[in-house]
């Protein structure tokens, strides 16, 4: 019984650490002309947050224009990673 509790506690600790690490993995963010934000993770994959603060899906290869006129292409669609990062911040953890 004690082993099961210890294993469960270790699993929770590992999962929590993985979510916290994703915030550190955000290398850069770009504000788009429409008010959306694109986040680039250190591995080069991206995710998008709309102007209402919701994580949205974007097709890979989609061209976007930043507020300063720079053109970037969507690489990846890391919706789950960005959702973890943003919800982690909102929870205050």
PDB file of N, CA and C in Angstrom:
ATOM      1  N   UNK A   1       0.822  -1.193   0.000  1.00  0.00           N
ATOM      2  CA  UNK A   1       0.000   0.000   0.000  1.00  0.00           C
ATOM      3  C   UNK A   1       0.867   1.259   0.000  1.00  0.00           C
ATOM      4  N   UNK A   2       1.890   1.244   0.836  1.00  0.00           N
ATOM      5  CA  UNK A   2       2.786   2.388   0.932  1.00  0.00           C
ATOM      6  C   UNK A   2       3.524   2.613  -0.392  1.00  0.00           C
ATOM      7  N   UNK A   3       3.861   1.524  -1.080  1.00  0.00           N
ATOM      8  CA  UNK A   3       4.543   1.637  -2.376  1.00  0.00           C
ATOM      9  C   UNK A   3       3.634   2.311  -3.401  1.00  0.00           C
ATOM     10  N   UNK A   4       2.342   1.985  -3.383  1.00  0.00           N
ATOM     11  CA  UNK A   4       1.398   2.583  -4.322  1.00  0.00           C
ATOM     12  C   UNK A   4       1.278   4.090  -4.089  1.00  0.00           C
ATOM     13  N   UNK A   5       1.224   4.488  -2.840  1.00  0.00           N
ATOM     14  CA  UNK A   5       1.126   5.910  -2.499  1.00  0.00           C
ATOM     15  C   UNK A   5       2.407   6.638  -2.928  1.00  0.00           C
ATOM     16  N   UNK A   6       3.555   6.033  -2.685  1.00  0.00           N
ATOM     17  CA  UNK A   6       4.820   6.647  -3.076  1.00  0.00           C
ATOM     18  C   UNK A   6       4.925   6.771  -4.599  1.00  0.00           C
ATOM     19  N   UNK A   7       4.473   5.747  -5.309  1.00  0.00           N
ATOM     20  CA  UNK A   7       4.510   5.780  -6.773  1.00  0.00           C
ATOM     21  C   UNK A   7       3.576   6.868  -7.307  1.00  0.00           C
ATOM     22  N   UNK A   8       2.403   6.994  -6.717  1.00  0.00           N
ATOM     23  CA  UNK A   8       1.450   8.026  -7.149  1.00  0.00           C
ATOM     24  C   UNK A   8       2.014   9.424  -6.881  1.00  0.00           C
ATOM     25  N   UNK A   9       2.622   9.606  -5.729  1.00  0.00           N
ATOM     26  CA  UNK A   9       3.206  10.912  -5.393  1.00  0.00           C
ATOM     27  C   UNK A   9       4.354  11.257  -6.347  1.00  0.00           C
ATOM     28  N   UNK A  10       5.159  10.283  -6.689  1.00  0.00           N
ATOM     29  CA  UNK A  10       6.265  10.510  -7.620  1.00  0.00           C
ATOM     30  C   UNK A  10       5.737  10.877  -9.010  1.00  0.00           C
ATOM     31  N   UNK A  11       4.666  10.217  -9.431  1.00  0.00           N
ATOM     32  CA  UNK A  11       4.070  10.515 -10.738  1.00  0.00           C
ATOM     33  C   UNK A  11       3.553  11.944 -10.794  1.00  0.00           C
ATOM     34  N   UNK A  12       2.891  12.392  -9.743  1.00  0.00           N
ATOM     35  CA  UNK A  12       2.372  13.758  -9.687  1.00  0.00           C
ATOM     36  C   UNK A  12       3.522  14.760  -9.716  1.00  0.00           C
ATOM     37  N   UNK A  13       4.572  14.494  -8.994  1.00  0.00           N
ATOM     38  CA  UNK A  13       5.730  15.387  -8.955  1.00  0.00           C
ATOM     39  C   UNK A  13       6.390  15.497 -10.333  1.00  0.00           C
ATOM     40  N   UNK A  14       6.541  14.382 -11.010  1.00  0.00           N
ATOM     41  CA  UNK A  14       7.149  14.389 -12.344  1.00  0.00           C
ATOM     42  C   UNK A  14       6.264  15.140 -13.327  1.00  0.00           C
ATOM     43  N   UNK A  15       4.961  14.913 -13.292  1.00  0.00           N
ATOM     44  CA  UNK A  15       4.037  15.596 -14.204  1.00  0.00           C
ATOM     45  C   UNK A  15       4.044  17.105 -13.959  1.00  0.00           C
ATOM     46  N   UNK A  16       4.049  17.516 -12.723  1.00  0.00           N
ATOM     47  CA  UNK A  16       4.071  18.936 -12.379  1.00  0.00           C
ATOM     48  C   UNK A  16       5.365  19.582 -12.859  1.00  0.00           C
ATOM     49  N   UNK A  17       6.471  18.904 -12.723  1.00  0.00           N
ATOM     50  CA  UNK A  17       7.759  19.431 -13.174  1.00  0.00           C
ATOM     51  C   UNK A  17       7.779  19.610 -14.680  1.00  0.00           C
ATOM     52  N   UNK A  18       7.177  18.675 -15.403  1.00  0.00           N
ATOM     53  CA  UNK A  18       7.153  18.760 -16.867  1.00  0.00           C
ATOM     54  C   UNK A  18       6.364  19.981 -17.317  1.00  0.00           C
ATOM     55  N   UNK A  19       5.246  20.274 -16.673  1.00  0.00           N
ATOM     56  CA  UNK A  19       4.444  21.431 -17.056  1.00  0.00           C
ATOM     57  C   UNK A  19       5.178  22.724 -16.739  1.00  0.00           C
ATOM     58  N   UNK A  20       5.847  22.784 -15.621  1.00  0.00           N
ATOM     59  CA  UNK A  20       6.585  23.986 -15.247  1.00  0.00           C
ATOM     60  C   UNK A  20       7.738  24.237 -16.209  1.00  0.00           C
ATOM     61  N   UNK A  21       8.328  23.175 -16.721  1.00  0.00           N
ATOM     62  CA  UNK A  21       9.467  23.318 -17.626  1.00  0.00           C
ATOM     63  C   UNK A  21       9.054  23.920 -18.958  1.00  0.00           C
ATOM     64  N   UNK A  22       7.796  23.740 -19.398  1.00  0.00           N
ATOM     65  CA  UNK A  22       7.371  24.273 -20.685  1.00  0.00           C
ATOM     66  C   UNK A  22       7.454  25.788 -20.732  1.00  0.00           C
ATOM     67  N   UNK A  23       7.189  26.476 -19.628  1.00  0.00           N
ATOM     68  CA  UNK A  23       7.304  27.944 -19.581  1.00  0.00           C
ATOM     69  C   UNK A  23       8.729  28.355 -19.919  1.00  0.00           C
ATOM     70  N   UNK A  24       9.683  27.601 -19.440  1.00  0.00           N
ATOM     71  CA  UNK A  24      11.081  27.876 -19.704  1.00  0.00           C
ATOM     72  C   UNK A  24      11.409  27.600 -21.174  1.00  0.00           C
ATOM     73  N   UNK A  25      10.670  26.687 -21.810  1.00  0.00           N
ATOM     74  CA  UNK A  25      10.928  26.319 -23.195  1.00  0.00           C
ATOM     75  C   UNK A  25      10.383  27.309 -24.215  1.00  0.00           C
ATOM     76  N   UNK A  26       9.641  28.324 -23.780  1.00  0.00           N
ATOM     77  CA  UNK A  26       9.173  29.349 -24.721  1.00  0.00           C
ATOM     78  C   UNK A  26      10.349  30.276 -24.996  1.00  0.00           C
ATOM     79  N   UNK A  27      10.818  30.243 -26.250  1.00  0.00           N
ATOM     80  CA  UNK A  27      11.994  31.030 -26.621  1.00  0.00           C
ATOM     81  C   UNK A  27      11.623  32.462 -26.981  1.00  0.00           C
ATOM     82  N   UNK A  28      10.490  32.640 -27.657  1.00  0.00           N
ATOM     83  CA  UNK A  28      10.123  33.960 -28.138  1.00  0.00           C
ATOM     84  C   UNK A  28       8.629  34.005 -28.397  1.00  0.00           C
ATOM     85  N   UNK A  29       8.072  35.193 -28.374  1.00  0.00           N
ATOM     86  CA  UNK A  29       6.666  35.368 -28.749  1.00  0.00           C
ATOM     87  C   UNK A  29       6.561  36.569 -29.676  1.00  0.00           C
ATOM     88  N   UNK A  30       5.611  36.485 -30.587  1.00  0.00           N
ATOM     89  CA  UNK A  30       5.379  37.559 -31.557  1.00  0.00           C
ATOM     90  C   UNK A  30       3.928  38.000 -31.474  1.00  0.00           C
ATOM     91  N   UNK A  31       3.701  39.303 -31.462  1.00  0.00           N
ATOM     92  CA  UNK A  31       2.339  39.824 -31.547  1.00  0.00           C
ATOM     93  C   UNK A  31       2.014  40.027 -33.026  1.00  0.00           C
ATOM     94  N   UNK A  32       0.868  39.485 -33.454  1.00  0.00           N
ATOM     95  CA  UNK A  32       0.453  39.595 -34.847  1.00  0.00           C
ATOM     96  C   UNK A  32      -0.404  40.832 -35.051  1.00  0.00           C
ATOM     97  N   UNK A  33      -0.590  41.212 -36.307  1.00  0.00           N
ATOM     98  CA  UNK A  33      -1.376  42.403 -36.644  1.00  0.00           C
ATOM     99  C   UNK A  33      -2.799  42.340 -36.107  1.00  0.00           C
ATOM    100  N   UNK A  34      -3.386  41.141 -36.042  1.00  0.00           N
ATOM    101  CA  UNK A  34      -4.762  41.014 -35.580  1.00  0.00           C
ATOM    102  C   UNK A  34      -4.882  40.948 -34.054  1.00  0.00           C
ATOM    103  N   UNK A  35      -3.759  41.081 -33.344  1.00  0.00           N
ATOM    104  CA  UNK A  35      -3.782  41.053 -31.886  1.00  0.00           C
ATOM    105  C   UNK A  35      -3.493  39.691 -31.290  1.00  0.00           C
ATOM    106  N   UNK A  36      -3.364  38.673 -32.118  1.00  0.00           N
ATOM    107  CA  UNK A  36      -3.016  37.330 -31.658  1.00  0.00           C
ATOM    108  C   UNK A  36      -1.548  37.296 -31.257  1.00  0.00           C
ATOM    109  N   UNK A  37      -1.171  36.243 -30.543  1.00  0.00           N
ATOM    110  CA  UNK A  37       0.227  36.024 -30.160  1.00  0.00           C
ATOM    111  C   UNK A  37       0.661  34.661 -30.658  1.00  0.00           C
ATOM    112  N   UNK A  38       1.859  34.587 -31.191  1.00  0.00           N
ATOM    113  CA  UNK A  38       2.451  33.321 -31.598  1.00  0.00           C
ATOM    114  C   UNK A  38       3.650  33.083 -30.692  1.00  0.00           C
ATOM    115  N   UNK A  39       3.704  31.904 -30.095  1.00  0.00           N
ATOM    116  CA  UNK A  39       4.789  31.534 -29.200  1.00  0.00           C
ATOM    117  C   UNK A  39       5.677  30.530 -29.909  1.00  0.00           C
ATOM    118  N   UNK A  40       6.974  30.743 -29.837  1.00  0.00           N
ATOM    119  CA  UNK A  40       7.945  29.834 -30.437  1.00  0.00           C
ATOM    120  C   UNK A  40       8.689  29.148 -29.302  1.00  0.00           C
ATOM    121  N   UNK A  41       8.637  27.827 -29.293  1.00  0.00           N
ATOM    122  CA  UNK A  41       9.343  27.051 -28.286  1.00  0.00           C
ATOM    123  C   UNK A  41      10.794  26.864 -28.717  1.00  0.00           C
ATOM    124  N   UNK A  42      11.661  26.507 -27.797  1.00  0.00           N
ATOM    125  CA  UNK A  42      13.083  26.370 -28.095  1.00  0.00           C
ATOM    126  C   UNK A  42      13.360  25.333 -29.170  1.00  0.00           C
ATOM    127  N   UNK A  43      12.484  24.360 -29.344  1.00  0.00           N
ATOM    128  CA  UNK A  43      12.692  23.355 -30.392  1.00  0.00           C
ATOM    129  C   UNK A  43      12.196  23.841 -31.760  1.00  0.00           C
ATOM    130  N   UNK A  44      11.731  25.101 -31.844  1.00  0.00           N
ATOM    131  CA  UNK A  44      11.306  25.691 -33.106  1.00  0.00           C
ATOM    132  C   UNK A  44       9.830  25.523 -33.422  1.00  0.00           C
ATOM    133  N   UNK A  45       9.122  24.697 -32.676  1.00  0.00           N
ATOM    134  CA  UNK A  45       7.699  24.508 -32.912  1.00  0.00           C
ATOM    135  C   UNK A  45       6.923  25.675 -32.303  1.00  0.00           C
ATOM    136  N   UNK A  46       5.724  25.906 -32.830  1.00  0.00           N
ATOM    137  CA  UNK A  46       4.964  27.094 -32.454  1.00  0.00           C
ATOM    138  C   UNK A  46       3.551  26.758 -31.987  1.00  0.00           C
ATOM    139  N   UNK A  47       2.949  27.736 -31.321  1.00  0.00           N
ATOM    140  CA  UNK A  47       1.551  27.656 -30.919  1.00  0.00           C
ATOM    141  C   UNK A  47       0.984  29.071 -30.921  1.00  0.00           C
ATOM    142  N   UNK A  48      -0.335  29.173 -31.042  1.00  0.00           N
ATOM    143  CA  UNK A  48      -0.970  30.480 -31.188  1.00  0.00           C
ATOM    144  C   UNK A  48      -2.058  30.709 -30.151  1.00  0.00           C
ATOM    145  N   UNK A  49      -2.116  31.951 -29.658  1.00  0.00           N
ATOM    146  CA  UNK A  49      -3.146  32.406 -28.731  1.00  0.00           C
ATOM    147  C   UNK A  49      -3.884  33.549 -29.421  1.00  0.00           C
ATOM    148  N   UNK A  50      -5.221  33.470 -29.471  1.00  0.00           N
ATOM    149  CA  UNK A  50      -5.959  34.557 -30.133  1.00  0.00           C
ATOM    150  C   UNK A  50      -6.027  35.781 -29.218  1.00  0.00           C
ATOM    151  N   UNK A  51      -6.602  36.872 -29.731  1.00  0.00           N
ATOM    152  CA  UNK A  51      -6.605  38.118 -28.954  1.00  0.00           C
ATOM    153  C   UNK A  51      -7.485  38.041 -27.716  1.00  0.00           C
ATOM    154  N   UNK A  52      -8.348  37.028 -27.638  1.00  0.00           N
ATOM    155  CA  UNK A  52      -9.179  36.828 -26.449  1.00  0.00           C
ATOM    156  C   UNK A  52      -8.457  35.997 -25.389  1.00  0.00           C
ATOM    157  N   UNK A  53      -7.238  35.535 -25.702  1.00  0.00           N
ATOM    158  CA  UNK A  53      -6.471  34.760 -24.733  1.00  0.00           C
ATOM    159  C   UNK A  53      -6.689  33.266 -24.809  1.00  0.00           C
ATOM    160  N   UNK A  54      -7.355  32.793 -25.851  1.00  0.00           N
ATOM    161  CA  UNK A  54      -7.614  31.363 -26.007  1.00  0.00           C
ATOM    162  C   UNK A  54      -6.604  30.737 -26.957  1.00  0.00           C
ATOM    163  N   UNK A  55      -6.163  29.533 -26.639  1.00  0.00           N
ATOM    164  CA  UNK A  55      -5.248  28.804 -27.509  1.00  0.00           C
ATOM    165  C   UNK A  55      -6.038  28.314 -28.709  1.00  0.00           C
ATOM    166  N   UNK A  56      -5.530  28.575 -29.904  1.00  0.00           N
ATOM    167  CA  UNK A  56      -6.222  28.173 -31.131  1.00  0.00           C
ATOM    168  C   UNK A  56      -5.286  27.349 -32.004  1.00  0.00           C
ATOM    169  N   UNK A  57      -5.887  26.481 -32.797  1.00  0.00           N
ATOM    170  CA  UNK A  57      -5.136  25.638 -33.712  1.00  0.00           C
ATOM    171  C   UNK A  57      -4.813  26.422 -34.983  1.00  0.00           C
ATOM    172  N   UNK A  58      -3.641  26.173 -35.521  1.00  0.00           N
ATOM    173  CA  UNK A  58      -3.204  26.831 -36.755  1.00  0.00           C
ATOM    174  C   UNK A  58      -2.515  25.775 -37.608  1.00  0.00           C
ATOM    175  N   UNK A  59      -2.845  25.743 -38.884  1.00  0.00           N
ATOM    176  CA  UNK A  59      -2.239  24.762 -39.783  1.00  0.00           C
ATOM    177  C   UNK A  59      -0.762  25.069 -39.996  1.00  0.00           C
ATOM    178  N   UNK A  60       0.040  24.019 -40.049  1.00  0.00           N
ATOM    179  CA  UNK A  60       1.461  24.188 -40.318  1.00  0.00           C
ATOM    180  C   UNK A  60       1.655  24.792 -41.708  1.00  0.00           C
ATOM    181  N   UNK A  61       2.570  25.733 -41.804  1.00  0.00           N
ATOM    182  CA  UNK A  61       2.850  26.396 -43.061  1.00  0.00           C
ATOM    183  C   UNK A  61       2.038  27.661 -43.295  1.00  0.00           C
ATOM    184  N   UNK A  62       1.092  27.958 -42.417  1.00  0.00           N
ATOM    185  CA  UNK A  62       0.269  29.162 -42.547  1.00  0.00           C
ATOM    186  C   UNK A  62       1.148  30.400 -42.373  1.00  0.00           C
ATOM    187  N   UNK A  63       1.031  31.346 -43.301  1.00  0.00           N
ATOM    188  CA  UNK A  63       1.816  32.589 -43.219  1.00  0.00           C
ATOM    189  C   UNK A  63       1.118  33.582 -42.305  1.00  0.00           C
ATOM    190  N   UNK A  64       1.900  34.239 -41.458  1.00  0.00           N
ATOM    191  CA  UNK A  64       1.373  35.223 -40.522  1.00  0.00           C
ATOM    192  C   UNK A  64       2.221  36.479 -40.611  1.00  0.00           C
ATOM    193  N   UNK A  65       1.638  37.620 -40.264  1.00  0.00           N
ATOM    194  CA  UNK A  65       2.374  38.878 -40.271  1.00  0.00           C
ATOM    195  C   UNK A  65       2.362  39.467 -38.867  1.00  0.00           C
ATOM    196  N   UNK A  66       3.551  39.781 -38.389  1.00  0.00           N
ATOM    197  CA  UNK A  66       3.667  40.366 -37.064  1.00  0.00           C
ATOM    198  C   UNK A  66       3.271  41.836 -37.102  1.00  0.00           C
ATOM    199  N   UNK A  67       3.091  42.387 -35.933  1.00  0.00           N
ATOM    200  CA  UNK A  67       2.681  43.782 -35.823  1.00  0.00           C
ATOM    201  C   UNK A  67       3.675  44.736 -36.500  1.00  0.00           C
ATOM    202  N   UNK A  68       4.950  44.348 -36.502  1.00  0.00           N
ATOM    203  CA  UNK A  68       5.970  45.195 -37.122  1.00  0.00           C
ATOM    204  C   UNK A  68       6.203  44.873 -38.603  1.00  0.00           C
ATOM    205  N   UNK A  69       5.355  44.020 -39.197  1.00  0.00           N
ATOM    206  CA  UNK A  69       5.418  43.731 -40.622  1.00  0.00           C
ATOM    207  C   UNK A  69       6.253  42.529 -41.025  1.00  0.00           C
ATOM    208  N   UNK A  70       6.863  41.864 -40.069  1.00  0.00           N
ATOM    209  CA  UNK A  70       7.674  40.683 -40.359  1.00  0.00           C
ATOM    210  C   UNK A  70       6.758  39.505 -40.721  1.00  0.00           C
ATOM    211  N   UNK A  71       7.156  38.704 -41.698  1.00  0.00           N
ATOM    212  CA  UNK A  71       6.383  37.525 -42.099  1.00  0.00           C
ATOM    213  C   UNK A  71       6.993  36.288 -41.452  1.00  0.00           C
ATOM    214  N   UNK A  72       6.146  35.449 -40.847  1.00  0.00           N
ATOM    215  CA  UNK A  72       6.611  34.182 -40.286  1.00  0.00           C
ATOM    216  C   UNK A  72       5.660  33.075 -40.710  1.00  0.00           C
ATOM    217  N   UNK A  73       6.180  31.850 -40.765  1.00  0.00           N
ATOM    218  CA  UNK A  73       5.390  30.671 -41.142  1.00  0.00           C
ATOM    219  C   UNK A  73       5.190  29.798 -39.914  1.00  0.00           C
ATOM    220  N   UNK A  74       3.996  29.283 -39.778  1.00  0.00           N
ATOM    221  CA  UNK A  74       3.682  28.402 -38.656  1.00  0.00           C
ATOM    222  C   UNK A  74       4.433  27.089 -38.822  1.00  0.00           C
ATOM    223  N   UNK A  75       5.084  26.668 -37.755  1.00  0.00           N
ATOM    224  CA  UNK A  75       5.777  25.387 -37.739  1.00  0.00           C
ATOM    225  C   UNK A  75       5.262  24.601 -36.545  1.00  0.00           C
ATOM    226  N   UNK A  76       4.654  23.482 -36.818  1.00  0.00           N
ATOM    227  CA  UNK A  76       4.060  22.679 -35.751  1.00  0.00           C
ATOM    228  C   UNK A  76       2.698  23.239 -35.364  1.00  0.00           C
ATOM    229  N   UNK A  77       2.099  22.671 -34.364  1.00  0.00           N
ATOM    230  CA  UNK A  77       0.814  23.143 -33.844  1.00  0.00           C
ATOM    231  C   UNK A  77       0.728  22.669 -32.400  1.00  0.00           C
ATOM    232  N   UNK A  78       1.542  23.243 -31.555  1.00  0.00           N
ATOM    233  CA  UNK A  78       1.702  22.791 -30.179  1.00  0.00           C
ATOM    234  C   UNK A  78       0.628  23.355 -29.256  1.00  0.00           C
ATOM    235  N   UNK A  79      -0.617  23.085 -29.593  1.00  0.00           N
ATOM    236  CA  UNK A  79      -1.755  23.605 -28.832  1.00  0.00           C
ATOM    237  C   UNK A  79      -1.681  23.165 -27.376  1.00  0.00           C
ATOM    238  N   UNK A  80      -1.433  21.899 -27.152  1.00  0.00           N
ATOM    239  CA  UNK A  80      -1.406  21.371 -25.783  1.00  0.00           C
ATOM    240  C   UNK A  80      -0.283  21.994 -24.969  1.00  0.00           C
ATOM    241  N   UNK A  81       0.876  22.245 -25.573  1.00  0.00           N
ATOM    242  CA  UNK A  81       1.990  22.849 -24.833  1.00  0.00           C
ATOM    243  C   UNK A  81       1.664  24.273 -24.415  1.00  0.00           C
ATOM    244  N   UNK A  82       1.089  25.043 -25.319  1.00  0.00           N
ATOM    245  CA  UNK A  82       0.750  26.424 -24.978  1.00  0.00           C
ATOM    246  C   UNK A  82      -0.368  26.468 -23.950  1.00  0.00           C
ATOM    247  N   UNK A  83      -1.327  25.575 -24.084  1.00  0.00           N
ATOM    248  CA  UNK A  83      -2.414  25.522 -23.101  1.00  0.00           C
ATOM    249  C   UNK A  83      -1.857  25.253 -21.706  1.00  0.00           C
ATOM    250  N   UNK A  84      -0.898  24.343 -21.613  1.00  0.00           N
ATOM    251  CA  UNK A  84      -0.268  24.066 -20.320  1.00  0.00           C
ATOM    252  C   UNK A  84       0.456  25.293 -19.782  1.00  0.00           C
ATOM    253  N   UNK A  85       1.186  25.998 -20.649  1.00  0.00           N
ATOM    254  CA  UNK A  85       1.934  27.185 -20.226  1.00  0.00           C
ATOM    255  C   UNK A  85       0.979  28.276 -19.741  1.00  0.00           C
ATOM    256  N   UNK A  86      -0.039  28.579 -20.535  1.00  0.00           N
ATOM    257  CA  UNK A  86      -0.962  29.663 -20.177  1.00  0.00           C
ATOM    258  C   UNK A  86      -1.796  29.330 -18.949  1.00  0.00           C
ATOM    259  N   UNK A  87      -2.291  28.114 -18.858  1.00  0.00           N
ATOM    260  CA  UNK A  87      -3.085  27.739 -17.690  1.00  0.00           C
ATOM    261  C   UNK A  87      -2.223  27.654 -16.439  1.00  0.00           C
ATOM    262  N   UNK A  88      -0.979  27.281 -16.600  1.00  0.00           N
ATOM    263  CA  UNK A  88      -0.046  27.257 -15.465  1.00  0.00           C
ATOM    264  C   UNK A  88       0.121  28.670 -14.918  1.00  0.00           C
ATOM    265  N   UNK A  89       0.244  29.664 -15.812  1.00  0.00           N
ATOM    266  CA  UNK A  89       0.372  31.055 -15.386  1.00  0.00           C
ATOM    267  C   UNK A  89      -0.904  31.543 -14.703  1.00  0.00           C
ATOM    268  N   UNK A  90      -2.039  31.184 -15.233  1.00  0.00           N
ATOM    269  CA  UNK A  90      -3.322  31.656 -14.673  1.00  0.00           C
ATOM    270  C   UNK A  90      -3.601  31.066 -13.307  1.00  0.00           C
ATOM    271  N   UNK A  91      -3.083  29.855 -13.076  1.00  0.00           N
ATOM    272  CA  UNK A  91      -3.256  29.230 -11.767  1.00  0.00           C
ATOM    273  C   UNK A  91      -2.334  29.857 -10.727  1.00  0.00           C
ATOM    274  N   UNK A  92      -1.335  30.596 -11.205  1.00  0.00           N
ATOM    275  CA  UNK A  92      -0.418  31.248 -10.287  1.00  0.00           C
ATOM    276  C   UNK A  92       0.674  30.340  -9.776  1.00  0.00           C
ATOM    277  N   UNK A  93       0.910  29.228 -10.432  1.00  0.00           N
ATOM    278  CA  UNK A  93       1.953  28.279 -10.012  1.00  0.00           C
ATOM    279  C   UNK A  93       3.277  28.613 -10.629  1.00  0.00           C
TER     280      UNK A  93
END
